[in-house]
Amino acid sequence: MTNNKSSKTSWLFICIVTMMGILTLLPSDIYIPALPMMKEDFATSIENIQLTLSFFFLGAGISQLLAGPIIDCFNNKTTVLIALFTFLFASSIEALIACRFVQAFSAAFVVVASRAA
């Protein structure tokens, strides 16, 4: 007979790792339908809004190359917590582009850590 507490811990671990694994997919899937509204809110061109998505994927790609060695050098839990807290909000299109890069860079650290777990 299995230990009930161990079973609950295993399911919790699986749920957390799964949520961490989809962290780079979720922001882009939710983000795409809002692009036309963001164009109006930021009073800018659709090209600038699409640039935020490009920088998101650029940040995610670069981060995945760097995340593994950094996570190996430092505490895995600390690295993930720092990455989760870097999600930012912006009030101008330039700040939004920079924040999307930082957001993706951080999210990719979490994804790499979840795959390592």
N, C-alpha and C. Protein backbone atom coordinates (compact mmCIF):
# COMPACT_ATOMS: atom_id res chain seq x y z
N MET A 1 0.85 -1.18 0.00
CA MET A 1 0.00 0.00 0.00
C MET A 1 0.89 1.24 0.00
N THR A 2 0.54 2.22 -0.81
CA THR A 2 1.37 3.43 -0.92
C THR A 2 0.99 4.42 0.16
N ASN A 3 1.94 5.24 0.49
CA ASN A 3 1.73 6.29 1.47
C ASN A 3 0.92 7.40 0.83
N ASN A 4 -0.19 7.79 1.45
CA ASN A 4 -1.09 8.81 0.90
C ASN A 4 -0.40 10.16 0.78
N LYS A 5 0.43 10.51 1.78
CA LYS A 5 1.13 11.79 1.76
C LYS A 5 2.15 11.83 0.62
N SER A 6 2.85 10.74 0.41
CA SER A 6 3.82 10.66 -0.69
C SER A 6 3.12 10.77 -2.04
N SER A 7 1.95 10.18 -2.16
CA SER A 7 1.19 10.24 -3.41
C SER A 7 0.73 11.67 -3.71
N LYS A 8 0.27 12.38 -2.67
CA LYS A 8 -0.14 13.77 -2.86
C LYS A 8 1.04 14.64 -3.23
N THR A 9 2.19 14.40 -2.61
CA THR A 9 3.39 15.15 -2.92
C THR A 9 3.82 14.91 -4.36
N SER A 10 3.73 13.67 -4.82
CA SER A 10 4.10 13.35 -6.19
C SER A 10 3.20 14.07 -7.19
N TRP A 11 1.90 14.08 -6.93
CA TRP A 11 0.97 14.77 -7.83
C TRP A 11 1.21 16.28 -7.81
N LEU A 12 1.49 16.82 -6.66
CA LEU A 12 1.78 18.25 -6.57
C LEU A 12 3.05 18.59 -7.34
N PHE A 13 4.08 17.77 -7.20
CA PHE A 13 5.32 17.97 -7.92
C PHE A 13 5.08 17.91 -9.43
N ILE A 14 4.31 16.94 -9.88
CA ILE A 14 4.00 16.80 -11.31
C ILE A 14 3.24 18.02 -11.82
N CYS A 15 2.28 18.51 -11.05
CA CYS A 15 1.50 19.69 -11.46
C CYS A 15 2.38 20.93 -11.55
N ILE A 16 3.24 21.12 -10.57
CA ILE A 16 4.11 22.30 -10.56
C ILE A 16 5.10 22.25 -11.73
N VAL A 17 5.70 21.10 -11.96
CA VAL A 17 6.66 20.97 -13.05
C VAL A 17 5.96 21.16 -14.40
N THR A 18 4.74 20.67 -14.54
CA THR A 18 3.99 20.86 -15.78
C THR A 18 3.68 22.33 -16.02
N MET A 19 3.25 23.03 -14.99
CA MET A 19 2.97 24.46 -15.12
C MET A 19 4.24 25.24 -15.46
N MET A 20 5.34 24.85 -14.87
CA MET A 20 6.62 25.50 -15.19
C MET A 20 7.01 25.23 -16.64
N GLY A 21 6.69 24.06 -17.14
CA GLY A 21 7.06 23.68 -18.49
C GLY A 21 6.32 24.44 -19.57
N ILE A 22 5.11 24.89 -19.27
CA ILE A 22 4.33 25.61 -20.28
C ILE A 22 4.44 27.14 -20.14
N LEU A 23 5.34 27.57 -19.29
CA LEU A 23 5.43 29.01 -18.99
C LEU A 23 5.80 29.86 -20.20
N THR A 24 6.58 29.35 -21.13
CA THR A 24 6.91 30.16 -22.31
C THR A 24 5.83 30.06 -23.38
N LEU A 25 5.01 29.02 -23.35
CA LEU A 25 3.94 28.89 -24.34
C LEU A 25 2.72 29.73 -23.98
N LEU A 26 2.37 29.75 -22.73
CA LEU A 26 1.17 30.43 -22.29
C LEU A 26 1.16 31.93 -22.57
N PRO A 27 2.22 32.66 -22.28
CA PRO A 27 2.18 34.10 -22.55
C PRO A 27 2.00 34.45 -24.03
N SER A 28 2.53 33.66 -24.93
CA SER A 28 2.37 33.97 -26.35
C SER A 28 0.99 33.59 -26.84
N ASP A 29 0.43 32.49 -26.37
CA ASP A 29 -0.90 32.07 -26.82
C ASP A 29 -1.99 33.01 -26.34
N ILE A 30 -1.86 33.54 -25.15
CA ILE A 30 -2.83 34.49 -24.63
C ILE A 30 -2.63 35.87 -25.25
N TYR A 31 -1.41 36.17 -25.59
CA TYR A 31 -0.99 37.49 -26.05
C TYR A 31 -1.44 37.80 -27.48
N ILE A 32 -1.41 36.82 -28.36
CA ILE A 32 -1.67 37.03 -29.79
C ILE A 32 -3.06 37.62 -30.06
N PRO A 33 -4.13 37.12 -29.46
CA PRO A 33 -5.44 37.72 -29.74
C PRO A 33 -5.57 39.18 -29.29
N ALA A 34 -4.73 39.60 -28.38
CA ALA A 34 -4.82 40.97 -27.86
C ALA A 34 -4.01 41.98 -28.67
N LEU A 35 -3.27 41.55 -29.69
CA LEU A 35 -2.42 42.46 -30.45
C LEU A 35 -3.16 43.67 -31.04
N PRO A 36 -4.33 43.49 -31.67
CA PRO A 36 -5.03 44.68 -32.21
C PRO A 36 -5.44 45.68 -31.13
N MET A 37 -5.86 45.19 -29.99
CA MET A 37 -6.26 46.09 -28.90
C MET A 37 -5.05 46.82 -28.32
N MET A 38 -3.92 46.13 -28.28
CA MET A 38 -2.70 46.76 -27.76
C MET A 38 -2.25 47.88 -28.68
N LYS A 39 -2.46 47.72 -29.98
CA LYS A 39 -2.11 48.77 -30.94
C LYS A 39 -2.84 50.06 -30.58
N GLU A 40 -4.11 49.94 -30.25
CA GLU A 40 -4.90 51.12 -29.87
C GLU A 40 -4.48 51.66 -28.51
N ASP A 41 -4.27 50.78 -27.55
CA ASP A 41 -3.92 51.21 -26.19
C ASP A 41 -2.59 51.95 -26.13
N PHE A 42 -1.61 51.49 -26.91
CA PHE A 42 -0.29 52.12 -26.91
C PHE A 42 -0.14 53.19 -27.99
N ALA A 43 -1.18 53.36 -28.81
CA ALA A 43 -1.18 54.35 -29.89
C ALA A 43 0.08 54.24 -30.75
N THR A 44 0.30 53.04 -31.26
CA THR A 44 1.49 52.77 -32.07
C THR A 44 1.11 51.88 -33.25
N SER A 45 2.07 51.55 -34.08
CA SER A 45 1.79 50.72 -35.25
C SER A 45 1.74 49.24 -34.86
N ILE A 46 1.11 48.46 -35.71
CA ILE A 46 1.02 47.02 -35.46
C ILE A 46 2.40 46.38 -35.54
N GLU A 47 3.31 46.97 -36.32
CA GLU A 47 4.67 46.45 -36.40
C GLU A 47 5.38 46.53 -35.06
N ASN A 48 5.20 47.65 -34.34
CA ASN A 48 5.80 47.78 -33.01
C ASN A 48 5.23 46.76 -32.04
N ILE A 49 3.94 46.52 -32.13
CA ILE A 49 3.31 45.53 -31.26
C ILE A 49 3.82 44.13 -31.60
N GLN A 50 3.97 43.83 -32.89
CA GLN A 50 4.49 42.53 -33.29
C GLN A 50 5.95 42.37 -32.87
N LEU A 51 6.66 43.48 -32.76
CA LEU A 51 8.05 43.44 -32.31
C LEU A 51 8.14 42.92 -30.87
N THR A 52 7.13 43.19 -30.06
CA THR A 52 7.13 42.66 -28.69
C THR A 52 7.10 41.14 -28.70
N LEU A 53 6.38 40.56 -29.64
CA LEU A 53 6.32 39.10 -29.75
C LEU A 53 7.66 38.55 -30.26
N SER A 54 8.27 39.25 -31.20
CA SER A 54 9.59 38.83 -31.70
C SER A 54 10.63 38.83 -30.59
N PHE A 55 10.62 39.88 -29.78
CA PHE A 55 11.58 39.96 -28.68
C PHE A 55 11.30 38.91 -27.61
N PHE A 56 10.03 38.54 -27.46
CA PHE A 56 9.69 37.48 -26.52
C PHE A 56 10.35 36.17 -26.94
N PHE A 57 10.21 35.82 -28.22
CA PHE A 57 10.80 34.57 -28.70
C PHE A 57 12.32 34.64 -28.74
N LEU A 58 12.86 35.79 -29.03
CA LEU A 58 14.31 35.97 -29.00
C LEU A 58 14.85 35.75 -27.59
N GLY A 59 14.19 36.34 -26.62
CA GLY A 59 14.60 36.16 -25.22
C GLY A 59 14.49 34.72 -24.77
N ALA A 60 13.42 34.04 -25.18
CA ALA A 60 13.25 32.63 -24.80
C ALA A 60 14.33 31.76 -25.43
N GLY A 61 14.68 32.04 -26.67
CA GLY A 61 15.70 31.25 -27.35
C GLY A 61 17.07 31.44 -26.74
N ILE A 62 17.46 32.67 -26.51
CA ILE A 62 18.77 32.95 -25.93
C ILE A 62 18.86 32.39 -24.52
N SER A 63 17.80 32.55 -23.77
CA SER A 63 17.81 32.11 -22.38
C SER A 63 17.97 30.60 -22.25
N GLN A 64 17.36 29.85 -23.14
CA GLN A 64 17.47 28.40 -23.04
C GLN A 64 18.89 27.93 -23.27
N LEU A 65 19.67 28.69 -24.03
CA LEU A 65 21.08 28.33 -24.21
C LEU A 65 21.89 28.59 -22.95
N LEU A 66 21.53 29.64 -22.22
CA LEU A 66 22.29 30.04 -21.05
C LEU A 66 21.78 29.44 -19.74
N ALA A 67 20.51 29.06 -19.71
CA ALA A 67 19.88 28.66 -18.46
C ALA A 67 20.49 27.40 -17.85
N GLY A 68 20.77 26.40 -18.66
CA GLY A 68 21.29 25.14 -18.12
C GLY A 68 22.57 25.31 -17.31
N PRO A 69 23.61 25.93 -17.89
CA PRO A 69 24.83 26.11 -17.10
C PRO A 69 24.64 27.00 -15.88
N ILE A 70 23.82 28.02 -15.98
CA ILE A 70 23.59 28.91 -14.83
C ILE A 70 22.86 28.17 -13.72
N ILE A 71 21.86 27.39 -14.09
CA ILE A 71 21.11 26.62 -13.09
C ILE A 71 22.01 25.59 -12.43
N ASP A 72 22.92 25.00 -13.20
CA ASP A 72 23.85 24.02 -12.62
C ASP A 72 24.82 24.68 -11.63
N CYS A 73 25.19 25.93 -11.89
CA CYS A 73 26.14 26.62 -11.01
C CYS A 73 25.50 27.11 -9.71
N PHE A 74 24.25 27.49 -9.79
CA PHE A 74 23.56 28.06 -8.62
C PHE A 74 22.47 27.11 -8.15
N ASN A 75 21.87 27.45 -7.05
CA ASN A 75 20.77 26.67 -6.50
C ASN A 75 19.58 26.71 -7.46
N ASN A 76 19.07 25.55 -7.82
CA ASN A 76 17.96 25.44 -8.76
C ASN A 76 16.73 26.20 -8.27
N LYS A 77 16.39 26.05 -7.00
CA LYS A 77 15.20 26.69 -6.45
C LYS A 77 15.35 28.21 -6.45
N THR A 78 16.51 28.72 -6.08
CA THR A 78 16.74 30.16 -6.07
C THR A 78 16.65 30.74 -7.48
N THR A 79 17.23 30.06 -8.44
CA THR A 79 17.21 30.53 -9.82
C THR A 79 15.78 30.61 -10.34
N VAL A 80 14.98 29.59 -10.06
CA VAL A 80 13.58 29.58 -10.51
C VAL A 80 12.79 30.70 -9.85
N LEU A 81 12.97 30.92 -8.56
CA LEU A 81 12.23 31.98 -7.88
C LEU A 81 12.61 33.36 -8.41
N ILE A 82 13.88 33.60 -8.66
CA ILE A 82 14.30 34.88 -9.24
C ILE A 82 13.68 35.06 -10.62
N ALA A 83 13.69 34.01 -11.43
CA ALA A 83 13.12 34.09 -12.77
C ALA A 83 11.62 34.36 -12.73
N LEU A 84 10.92 33.75 -11.80
CA LEU A 84 9.47 33.96 -11.71
C LEU A 84 9.12 35.39 -11.29
N PHE A 85 9.97 36.03 -10.50
CA PHE A 85 9.67 37.38 -10.01
C PHE A 85 10.05 38.48 -11.00
N THR A 86 10.63 38.14 -12.14
CA THR A 86 11.02 39.19 -13.09
C THR A 86 9.95 39.51 -14.12
N PHE A 87 8.77 38.93 -14.01
CA PHE A 87 7.69 39.29 -14.91
C PHE A 87 7.26 40.73 -14.61
N LEU A 88 7.23 41.58 -15.64
CA LEU A 88 7.04 43.02 -15.45
C LEU A 88 5.85 43.54 -16.24
N PHE A 89 5.41 44.75 -15.89
CA PHE A 89 4.38 45.46 -16.64
C PHE A 89 4.99 46.74 -17.19
N ALA A 90 4.45 47.25 -18.28
CA ALA A 90 5.02 48.43 -18.93
C ALA A 90 3.93 49.42 -19.32
N SER A 91 4.34 50.71 -19.43
CA SER A 91 3.37 51.75 -19.80
C SER A 91 3.67 52.37 -21.16
N SER A 92 4.81 52.05 -21.78
CA SER A 92 5.11 52.55 -23.12
C SER A 92 5.51 51.37 -24.00
N ILE A 93 5.46 51.56 -25.31
CA ILE A 93 5.77 50.46 -26.22
C ILE A 93 7.23 50.04 -26.10
N GLU A 94 8.13 51.01 -25.90
CA GLU A 94 9.54 50.67 -25.75
C GLU A 94 9.78 49.85 -24.50
N ALA A 95 9.16 50.25 -23.41
CA ALA A 95 9.29 49.50 -22.16
C ALA A 95 8.66 48.12 -22.30
N LEU A 96 7.55 48.04 -23.03
CA LEU A 96 6.89 46.75 -23.23
C LEU A 96 7.78 45.80 -24.01
N ILE A 97 8.46 46.30 -25.04
CA ILE A 97 9.37 45.45 -25.82
C ILE A 97 10.49 44.91 -24.93
N ALA A 98 11.08 45.78 -24.14
CA ALA A 98 12.16 45.36 -23.24
C ALA A 98 11.64 44.37 -22.19
N CYS A 99 10.47 44.64 -21.64
CA CYS A 99 9.91 43.77 -20.61
C CYS A 99 9.54 42.40 -21.16
N ARG A 100 9.07 42.35 -22.40
CA ARG A 100 8.74 41.05 -22.99
C ARG A 100 10.00 40.21 -23.18
N PHE A 101 11.12 40.85 -23.52
CA PHE A 101 12.38 40.14 -23.64
C PHE A 101 12.79 39.57 -22.28
N VAL A 102 12.72 40.39 -21.25
CA VAL A 102 13.08 39.96 -19.90
C VAL A 102 12.13 38.87 -19.42
N GLN A 103 10.85 39.01 -19.73
CA GLN A 103 9.86 38.02 -19.33
C GLN A 103 10.18 36.67 -19.96
N ALA A 104 10.47 36.64 -21.25
CA ALA A 104 10.77 35.39 -21.92
C ALA A 104 12.09 34.81 -21.44
N PHE A 105 13.06 35.67 -21.22
CA PHE A 105 14.36 35.23 -20.72
C PHE A 105 14.18 34.51 -19.39
N SER A 106 13.36 35.09 -18.53
CA SER A 106 13.10 34.49 -17.21
C SER A 106 12.27 33.23 -17.32
N ALA A 107 11.26 33.24 -18.16
CA ALA A 107 10.39 32.07 -18.31
C ALA A 107 11.15 30.87 -18.83
N ALA A 108 12.10 31.10 -19.70
CA ALA A 108 12.87 29.98 -20.24
C ALA A 108 13.73 29.33 -19.15
N PHE A 109 14.20 30.11 -18.19
CA PHE A 109 14.94 29.53 -17.06
C PHE A 109 14.04 28.55 -16.31
N VAL A 110 12.80 28.94 -16.10
CA VAL A 110 11.86 28.08 -15.38
C VAL A 110 11.59 26.81 -16.18
N VAL A 111 11.44 26.94 -17.49
CA VAL A 111 11.18 25.77 -18.34
C VAL A 111 12.37 24.81 -18.30
N VAL A 112 13.58 25.34 -18.41
CA VAL A 112 14.77 24.48 -18.37
C VAL A 112 14.87 23.80 -17.01
N ALA A 113 14.59 24.52 -15.94
CA ALA A 113 14.64 23.93 -14.60
C ALA A 113 13.59 22.83 -14.44
N SER A 114 12.41 23.02 -15.03
CA SER A 114 11.38 22.00 -14.91
C SER A 114 11.77 20.74 -15.66
N ARG A 115 12.41 20.91 -16.79
CA ARG A 115 12.86 19.73 -17.54
C ARG A 115 13.99 19.01 -16.84
N ALA A 116 14.82 19.76 -16.13
CA ALA A 116 15.91 19.15 -15.38
C ALA A 116 15.39 18.40 -14.16
N ALA A 117 14.25 18.87 -13.61
CA ALA A 117 13.68 18.22 -12.43
C ALA A 117 13.08 16.88 -12.83
